């Protein structure tokens, strides 16, 4: 099969740190599935892995963790985890392999619904080879069935997606959803059989007004998160440098769009920073109303400048980071996406143009999300 992998060392994407290679098709181990990749989204985390912003966890790793694929083989004991729990998987089933690949299932975090904080966690495209390839293997218990979104299974609640538009949901969507939950705006909302009208009323009643959310940066994750927030009755203001991204935000229904360092037209109940730029933390904190929460969605960010306590943090403002996601986050978000269609601004690239897609991502050459198509 063909695949991209990191050369001897990661480095600036302009220096071509990835190489296009031919290698054997991997074989699934116990509890794993062999997946034929149908599409793989291009995430900024792939850029961090390729450029060395994140430490090397596996030499010559193949990036990619927004993988839509078809199960073509199952390893021994497929569908049984270490505790004997059964996970259903079938040859021919279309599934998603996202960022989270493994947790220990034994630590205090795993037992308290916070498996994203497990200190023994592993990740697709960082600790193990990911989806910038024609095939990959992944543990069955960390896969998501995508049949409801692709028009199979028991039926989607809206127009089915394509493999190209589902791919960005698997990280950009799930992580954005996690970042939105971290703002506290969704506290008390159950996503099990979600009633949108009731959820909107609950969110507004708890705040005493229509919630106002700010999004800093407007790429693959933010343009999905904005639509979730809008569906839940929030007024969304977008602060981002790109004029095309600003236009996309307004087209999707956001109330306001301007440069990342400008002030929104009203105080924010909460904000999420998607751009990996620490300097944006200061204007985002200034934009919060008293008691507001700033959620930092990225796995990597440049240094945050010194804060002025009175100006940036007083009045019980909070900063909360986001680390990965739980599988429950993924299940909740994908169920939401199946029931409430999300428009994906997807830009397809042939798989053999994966390195160029990362260059274009860094250069801000497209809005929305790039997707590699084998």
Protein backbone atom coordinates (compact mmCIF):
# COMPACT_ATOMS: atom_id res chain seq x y z
CA UNK A 1 0.00 0.00 0.00
CA UNK A 2 0.96 3.66 -0.27
CA UNK A 3 1.28 5.91 2.77
CA UNK A 4 2.83 9.09 4.06
CA UNK A 5 5.28 8.89 6.95
CA UNK A 6 7.59 11.25 8.83
CA UNK A 7 11.19 11.16 7.59
CA UNK A 8 14.09 10.74 10.02
CA UNK A 9 13.00 13.83 11.94
CA UNK A 10 9.95 16.11 11.85
CA UNK A 11 10.54 19.66 10.69
CA UNK A 12 8.98 22.72 9.03
CA UNK A 13 6.35 21.65 6.52
CA UNK A 14 8.03 23.83 3.89
CA UNK A 15 10.99 21.44 4.12
CA UNK A 16 8.88 18.38 3.23
CA UNK A 17 9.20 16.37 6.49
CA UNK A 18 6.87 13.68 5.10
CA UNK A 19 7.78 11.03 2.54
CA UNK A 20 5.49 9.05 0.23
CA UNK A 21 6.32 5.36 0.60
CA UNK A 22 5.12 1.91 -0.35
CA UNK A 23 4.86 -0.55 2.53
CA UNK A 24 3.04 -3.80 3.42
CA UNK A 25 -0.61 -3.67 4.38
CA UNK A 26 -0.70 -3.93 8.20
CA UNK A 27 -2.34 -6.92 9.86
CA UNK A 28 -4.86 -6.53 12.67
CA UNK A 29 -3.86 -7.84 16.09
CA UNK A 30 -6.18 -9.09 18.83
CA UNK A 31 -9.21 -6.85 19.18
CA UNK A 32 -8.25 -4.79 16.13
CA UNK A 33 -9.77 -4.16 12.72
CA UNK A 34 -8.03 -3.63 9.39
CA UNK A 35 -9.61 -0.59 7.76
CA UNK A 36 -9.51 0.38 4.11
CA UNK A 37 -9.28 4.15 4.22
CA UNK A 38 -12.04 5.92 2.28
CA UNK A 39 -11.20 9.45 3.43
CA UNK A 40 -8.98 11.12 6.01
CA UNK A 41 -9.41 14.66 7.25
CA UNK A 42 -6.40 16.94 7.58
CA UNK A 43 -6.14 18.29 11.12
CA UNK A 44 -3.83 20.96 12.55
CA UNK A 45 -2.59 18.31 14.99
CA UNK A 46 -1.18 16.43 11.96
CA UNK A 47 0.80 19.59 11.23
CA UNK A 48 2.06 19.71 14.83
CA UNK A 49 3.17 16.06 14.56
CA UNK A 50 4.86 16.65 11.21
CA UNK A 51 6.68 19.81 12.28
CA UNK A 52 7.79 18.53 15.68
CA UNK A 53 5.64 20.84 17.81
CA UNK A 54 4.62 17.62 19.56
CA UNK A 55 7.38 15.26 20.72
CA UNK A 56 8.04 12.16 18.62
CA UNK A 57 6.12 9.17 19.99
CA UNK A 58 6.81 6.78 17.10
CA UNK A 59 9.56 6.96 14.51
CA UNK A 60 8.37 7.34 10.90
CA UNK A 61 4.76 7.58 12.03
CA UNK A 62 1.97 7.98 9.49
CA UNK A 63 -0.24 10.94 10.51
CA UNK A 64 -4.01 11.06 10.30
CA UNK A 65 -6.84 10.65 12.82
CA UNK A 66 -10.00 11.75 11.05
CA UNK A 67 -10.37 8.44 9.26
CA UNK A 68 -13.46 7.17 7.49
CA UNK A 69 -12.96 3.60 6.39
CA UNK A 70 -14.43 0.19 5.73
CA UNK A 71 -13.57 -2.81 7.88
CA UNK A 72 -12.00 -5.44 5.63
CA UNK A 73 -10.57 -7.84 8.24
CA UNK A 74 -10.80 -8.55 11.97
CA UNK A 75 -8.00 -9.73 14.23
CA UNK A 76 -8.19 -12.55 16.77
CA UNK A 77 -10.73 -12.06 19.56
CA UNK A 78 -12.16 -9.15 17.60
CA UNK A 79 -14.83 -7.33 19.52
CA UNK A 80 -13.67 -8.42 23.00
CA UNK A 81 -11.82 -5.97 25.25
CA UNK A 82 -9.51 -6.84 28.17
CA UNK A 83 -12.49 -7.05 30.52
CA UNK A 84 -14.46 -9.38 28.28
CA UNK A 85 -16.88 -6.69 27.08
CA UNK A 86 -18.10 -7.22 23.53
CA UNK A 87 -17.87 -4.55 20.85
CA UNK A 88 -19.77 -5.34 17.69
CA UNK A 89 -17.92 -4.93 14.40
CA UNK A 90 -18.59 -6.41 10.98
CA UNK A 91 -16.71 -6.85 7.74
CA UNK A 92 -17.95 -4.17 5.37
CA UNK A 93 -19.06 -1.81 8.14
CA UNK A 94 -18.06 1.82 7.63
CA UNK A 95 -16.39 3.18 10.73
CA UNK A 96 -14.49 6.19 12.00
CA UNK A 97 -11.06 6.12 13.65
CA UNK A 98 -10.51 9.32 15.61
CA UNK A 99 -7.66 10.75 17.73
CA UNK A 100 -8.11 8.63 20.89
CA UNK A 101 -6.84 5.09 20.31
CA UNK A 102 -6.32 3.57 23.76
CA UNK A 103 -6.74 4.20 27.48
CA UNK A 104 -5.79 1.91 30.36
CA UNK A 105 -9.39 1.40 31.63
CA UNK A 106 -7.98 1.02 35.15
CA UNK A 107 -6.90 4.43 36.47
CA UNK A 108 -8.98 6.94 38.45
CA UNK A 109 -9.60 9.00 35.32
CA UNK A 110 -10.87 6.06 33.29
CA UNK A 111 -13.17 5.06 36.13
CA UNK A 112 -14.58 8.56 36.62
CA UNK A 113 -15.61 9.36 33.05
CA UNK A 114 -12.42 11.31 32.33
CA UNK A 115 -10.55 8.81 30.15
CA UNK A 116 -9.21 11.72 28.11
CA UNK A 117 -6.89 12.43 31.07
CA UNK A 118 -5.57 8.86 31.27
CA UNK A 119 -1.78 9.01 31.58
CA UNK A 120 -1.43 5.84 29.51
CA UNK A 121 -3.52 7.04 26.55
CA UNK A 122 -2.41 6.45 22.95
CA UNK A 123 -3.39 8.30 19.79
CA UNK A 124 -3.85 7.50 16.11
CA UNK A 125 -1.36 9.29 13.91
CA UNK A 126 1.03 9.95 16.81
CA UNK A 127 1.58 6.75 18.82
CA UNK A 128 0.39 4.48 16.01
CA UNK A 129 0.15 4.82 12.24
CA UNK A 130 -2.88 6.78 11.11
CA UNK A 131 -4.97 7.44 8.06
CA UNK A 132 -2.62 9.17 5.60
CA UNK A 133 -2.50 5.75 3.97
CA UNK A 134 -4.58 3.28 2.01
CA UNK A 135 -5.04 1.00 5.05
CA UNK A 136 -4.65 1.24 8.82
CA UNK A 137 -5.41 -0.87 11.87
CA UNK A 138 -7.23 0.34 14.98
CA UNK A 139 -8.74 -1.14 18.16
CA UNK A 140 -12.41 -1.95 17.60
CA UNK A 141 -13.49 -0.57 20.97
CA UNK A 142 -12.30 2.91 19.91
CA UNK A 143 -14.04 2.97 16.53
CA UNK A 144 -17.34 4.72 15.81
CA UNK A 145 -19.91 3.18 13.50
CA UNK A 146 -20.66 5.73 10.77
CA UNK A 147 -23.54 3.92 9.14
CA UNK A 148 -26.16 6.30 10.65
CA UNK A 149 -24.35 9.29 9.12
CA UNK A 150 -23.72 7.64 5.75
CA UNK A 151 -27.28 6.48 5.18
CA UNK A 152 -26.98 2.97 6.60
CA UNK A 153 -27.96 1.37 9.89
CA UNK A 154 -31.28 2.45 11.40
CA UNK A 155 -31.35 5.61 9.31
CA UNK A 156 -29.98 9.07 9.80
CA UNK A 157 -32.11 11.88 11.11
CA UNK A 158 -31.18 14.12 8.20
CA UNK A 159 -29.65 14.04 4.74
CA UNK A 160 -26.78 11.53 4.79
CA UNK A 161 -23.24 12.79 4.68
CA UNK A 162 -20.53 11.61 2.28
CA UNK A 163 -17.28 10.02 3.42
CA UNK A 164 -15.64 13.34 2.51
CA UNK A 165 -17.89 15.39 4.78
CA UNK A 166 -17.95 12.89 7.66
CA UNK A 167 -14.14 12.83 8.03
CA UNK A 168 -13.76 16.28 9.67
CA UNK A 169 -16.44 15.38 12.22
CA UNK A 170 -14.08 12.80 13.74
CA UNK A 171 -11.68 15.27 15.31
CA UNK A 172 -12.54 18.82 14.30
CA UNK A 173 -16.13 18.09 15.25
CA UNK A 174 -15.57 16.01 18.38
CA UNK A 175 -12.84 18.26 19.83
CA UNK A 176 -14.89 21.36 19.09
CA UNK A 177 -17.82 19.77 20.89
CA UNK A 178 -15.59 18.96 23.85
CA UNK A 179 -14.31 22.56 23.87
CA UNK A 180 -17.90 23.84 23.85
CA UNK A 181 -18.74 21.59 26.81
CA UNK A 182 -15.69 22.95 28.65
CA UNK A 183 -17.16 26.48 28.49
CA UNK A 184 -19.89 25.37 30.88
CA UNK A 185 -22.64 26.58 28.56
CA UNK A 186 -23.89 23.01 28.12
CA UNK A 187 -23.89 22.11 31.83
CA UNK A 188 -27.03 20.17 32.71
CA UNK A 189 -27.88 19.36 29.09
CA UNK A 190 -28.45 15.67 28.33
CA UNK A 191 -27.59 14.59 24.78
CA UNK A 192 -29.40 11.28 25.20
CA UNK A 193 -32.51 11.83 23.05
CA UNK A 194 -31.77 15.55 22.86
CA UNK A 195 -34.77 17.88 22.50
CA UNK A 196 -33.31 21.00 20.86
CA UNK A 197 -36.12 23.35 21.89
CA UNK A 198 -35.88 22.22 25.52
CA UNK A 199 -32.09 22.48 25.46
CA UNK A 200 -32.24 26.06 24.14
CA UNK A 201 -34.67 27.01 26.90
CA UNK A 202 -32.51 25.39 29.59
CA UNK A 203 -29.31 27.10 28.45
CA UNK A 204 -30.95 30.53 28.23
CA UNK A 205 -32.80 30.09 31.54
CA UNK A 206 -29.63 29.22 33.42
CA UNK A 207 -27.88 32.36 32.12
CA UNK A 208 -30.91 34.62 32.21
CA UNK A 209 -30.44 35.63 28.58
CA UNK A 210 -29.60 34.28 25.12
CA UNK A 211 -26.05 32.90 25.42
CA UNK A 212 -23.28 34.71 23.58
CA UNK A 213 -20.26 32.70 22.38
CA UNK A 214 -17.04 33.94 20.80
CA UNK A 215 -14.91 31.78 18.50
CA UNK A 216 -11.30 32.77 17.85
CA UNK A 217 -10.02 31.23 14.65
CA UNK A 218 -12.44 29.76 12.13
CA UNK A 219 -11.05 26.67 10.44
CA UNK A 220 -12.14 23.05 10.37
CA UNK A 221 -13.15 22.76 14.02
CA UNK A 222 -14.63 26.19 14.58
CA UNK A 223 -16.92 26.13 11.54
CA UNK A 224 -18.46 22.90 12.88
CA UNK A 225 -18.67 24.11 16.50
CA UNK A 226 -20.38 27.31 15.38
CA UNK A 227 -23.20 25.30 13.85
CA UNK A 228 -23.68 23.24 17.01
CA UNK A 229 -23.81 26.43 19.09
CA UNK A 230 -26.27 28.07 16.69
CA UNK A 231 -28.52 25.01 16.77
CA UNK A 232 -28.50 25.25 20.58
CA UNK A 233 -29.74 28.83 20.47
CA UNK A 234 -26.50 30.72 21.00
CA UNK A 235 -25.49 33.97 19.35
CA UNK A 236 -22.04 33.42 17.86
CA UNK A 237 -19.37 36.04 17.18
CA UNK A 238 -16.29 35.02 15.19
CA UNK A 239 -12.89 36.67 15.55
CA UNK A 240 -10.43 35.49 12.90
CA UNK A 241 -7.87 37.02 10.55
CA UNK A 242 -9.01 35.51 7.24
CA UNK A 243 -11.55 37.43 5.19
CA UNK A 244 -12.80 34.23 3.52
CA UNK A 245 -13.24 32.64 6.94
CA UNK A 246 -15.15 35.71 8.13
CA UNK A 247 -17.45 35.44 5.12
CA UNK A 248 -18.01 31.74 5.77
CA UNK A 249 -18.91 32.49 9.40
CA UNK A 250 -21.55 34.99 8.35
CA UNK A 251 -22.87 32.63 5.67
CA UNK A 252 -23.35 29.90 8.29
CA UNK A 253 -25.41 32.24 10.46
CA UNK A 254 -22.95 33.79 12.88
CA UNK A 255 -23.95 37.28 14.01
CA UNK A 256 -20.58 39.02 13.66
CA UNK A 257 -17.12 38.41 12.19
CA UNK A 258 -13.98 40.53 12.50
CA UNK A 259 -10.24 40.29 13.11
CA UNK A 260 -9.02 38.14 16.01
CA UNK A 261 -7.69 41.12 17.98
CA UNK A 262 -10.85 43.22 17.70
CA UNK A 263 -13.54 43.37 20.38
CA UNK A 264 -16.89 41.68 19.68
CA UNK A 265 -19.98 43.91 19.67
CA UNK A 266 -21.11 42.68 23.11
CA UNK A 267 -19.60 40.89 26.14
CA UNK A 268 -19.19 37.13 25.74
CA UNK A 269 -20.57 34.53 28.12
CA UNK A 270 -17.85 32.20 26.89
CA UNK A 271 -15.20 31.93 24.21
CA UNK A 272 -13.18 29.20 22.53
CA UNK A 273 -9.74 29.75 21.03
CA UNK A 274 -9.03 27.39 18.13
CA UNK A 275 -6.03 29.26 16.71
CA UNK A 276 -2.73 28.04 18.23
CA UNK A 277 -1.73 31.61 19.08
CA UNK A 278 -1.19 32.40 22.75
CA UNK A 279 -1.39 36.15 22.22
CA UNK A 280 -5.11 35.85 21.45
CA UNK A 281 -5.76 34.79 25.04
CA UNK A 282 -5.53 38.41 26.21
CA UNK A 283 -8.19 40.00 23.97
CA UNK A 284 -10.41 36.94 24.44
CA UNK A 285 -10.31 37.36 28.24
CA UNK A 286 -11.02 41.07 27.89
CA UNK A 287 -14.09 40.25 25.82
CA UNK A 288 -15.63 38.01 28.50
CA UNK A 289 -18.37 39.25 30.77
CA UNK A 290 -17.89 38.68 34.55
CA UNK A 291 -17.93 34.95 35.29
CA UNK A 292 -17.13 34.09 31.67
CA UNK A 293 -15.08 31.07 30.64
CA UNK A 294 -12.34 30.86 28.01
CA UNK A 295 -11.82 27.37 26.57
CA UNK A 296 -8.52 26.58 24.80
CA UNK A 297 -9.24 23.93 22.18
CA UNK A 298 -5.77 23.17 20.82
CA UNK A 299 -3.21 20.50 21.72
CA UNK A 300 -0.43 23.05 21.10
CA UNK A 301 -0.28 26.80 21.52
CA UNK A 302 2.45 29.42 21.38
CA UNK A 303 3.37 31.09 24.69
CA UNK A 304 0.69 33.18 26.37
CA UNK A 305 1.89 36.71 27.21
CA UNK A 306 1.82 37.98 30.78
CA UNK A 307 -1.69 38.65 32.06
CA UNK A 308 -2.88 41.67 33.99
CA UNK A 309 -4.95 40.30 36.84
CA UNK A 310 -7.41 43.21 37.04
CA UNK A 311 -7.83 43.49 33.28
CA UNK A 312 -7.90 39.84 32.25
CA UNK A 313 -8.85 37.54 35.15
CA UNK A 314 -10.68 39.44 37.86
CA UNK A 315 -14.48 39.13 38.15
CA UNK A 316 -14.17 35.34 38.33
CA UNK A 317 -13.19 34.79 34.74
CA UNK A 318 -11.76 31.33 34.01
CA UNK A 319 -9.37 29.71 31.53
CA UNK A 320 -9.91 26.00 30.82
CA UNK A 321 -7.78 23.83 28.58
CA UNK A 322 -9.05 20.91 26.52
CA UNK A 323 -7.24 17.58 26.37
CA UNK A 324 -8.45 15.14 23.74
CA UNK A 325 -11.95 13.76 24.28
CA UNK A 326 -13.76 10.83 25.79
CA UNK A 327 -15.50 8.23 23.67
CA UNK A 328 -18.75 9.46 25.21
CA UNK A 329 -18.02 12.91 23.76
CA UNK A 330 -17.60 11.26 20.37
CA UNK A 331 -20.81 9.25 20.62
CA UNK A 332 -22.82 12.29 21.74
CA UNK A 333 -21.46 14.54 19.01
CA UNK A 334 -21.86 12.04 16.18
CA UNK A 335 -25.43 11.30 17.29
CA UNK A 336 -26.08 15.07 17.23
CA UNK A 337 -24.58 15.32 13.75
CA UNK A 338 -26.73 12.43 12.52
CA UNK A 339 -29.91 14.08 13.80
CA UNK A 340 -29.03 17.70 12.97
CA UNK A 341 -27.17 18.04 9.70
CA UNK A 342 -23.95 20.08 9.83
CA UNK A 343 -22.65 21.75 6.69
CA UNK A 344 -19.01 20.84 6.13
CA UNK A 345 -16.81 23.12 4.05
CA UNK A 346 -14.61 20.29 2.73
CA UNK A 347 -11.72 20.64 0.29
CA UNK A 348 -10.66 17.28 -1.22
CA UNK A 349 -7.05 16.43 -2.03
CA UNK A 350 -5.76 13.18 -3.56
CA UNK A 351 -3.99 11.09 -0.92
CA UNK A 352 -0.65 11.55 -2.69
CA UNK A 353 -1.04 15.32 -2.14
CA UNK A 354 -1.13 14.97 1.65
CA UNK A 355 1.99 17.03 2.22
CA UNK A 356 0.64 19.83 0.04
CA UNK A 357 -2.61 19.80 2.01
CA UNK A 358 -0.63 20.40 5.19
CA UNK A 359 1.29 23.24 3.53
CA UNK A 360 -1.99 24.80 2.44
CA UNK A 361 -3.42 24.38 5.94
CA UNK A 362 -0.49 26.25 7.47
CA UNK A 363 -0.72 28.97 4.81
CA UNK A 364 -4.45 29.43 5.40
CA UNK A 365 -5.12 28.63 1.76
CA UNK A 366 -8.63 27.28 2.36
CA UNK A 367 -11.55 27.75 4.71
CA UNK A 368 -13.10 24.79 6.48
CA UNK A 369 -11.27 21.47 6.27
CA UNK A 370 -9.09 19.57 3.81
CA UNK A 371 -9.80 15.87 3.26
CA UNK A 372 -7.47 13.31 1.69
CA UNK A 373 -9.14 10.90 -0.72
CA UNK A 374 -7.29 7.67 -1.65
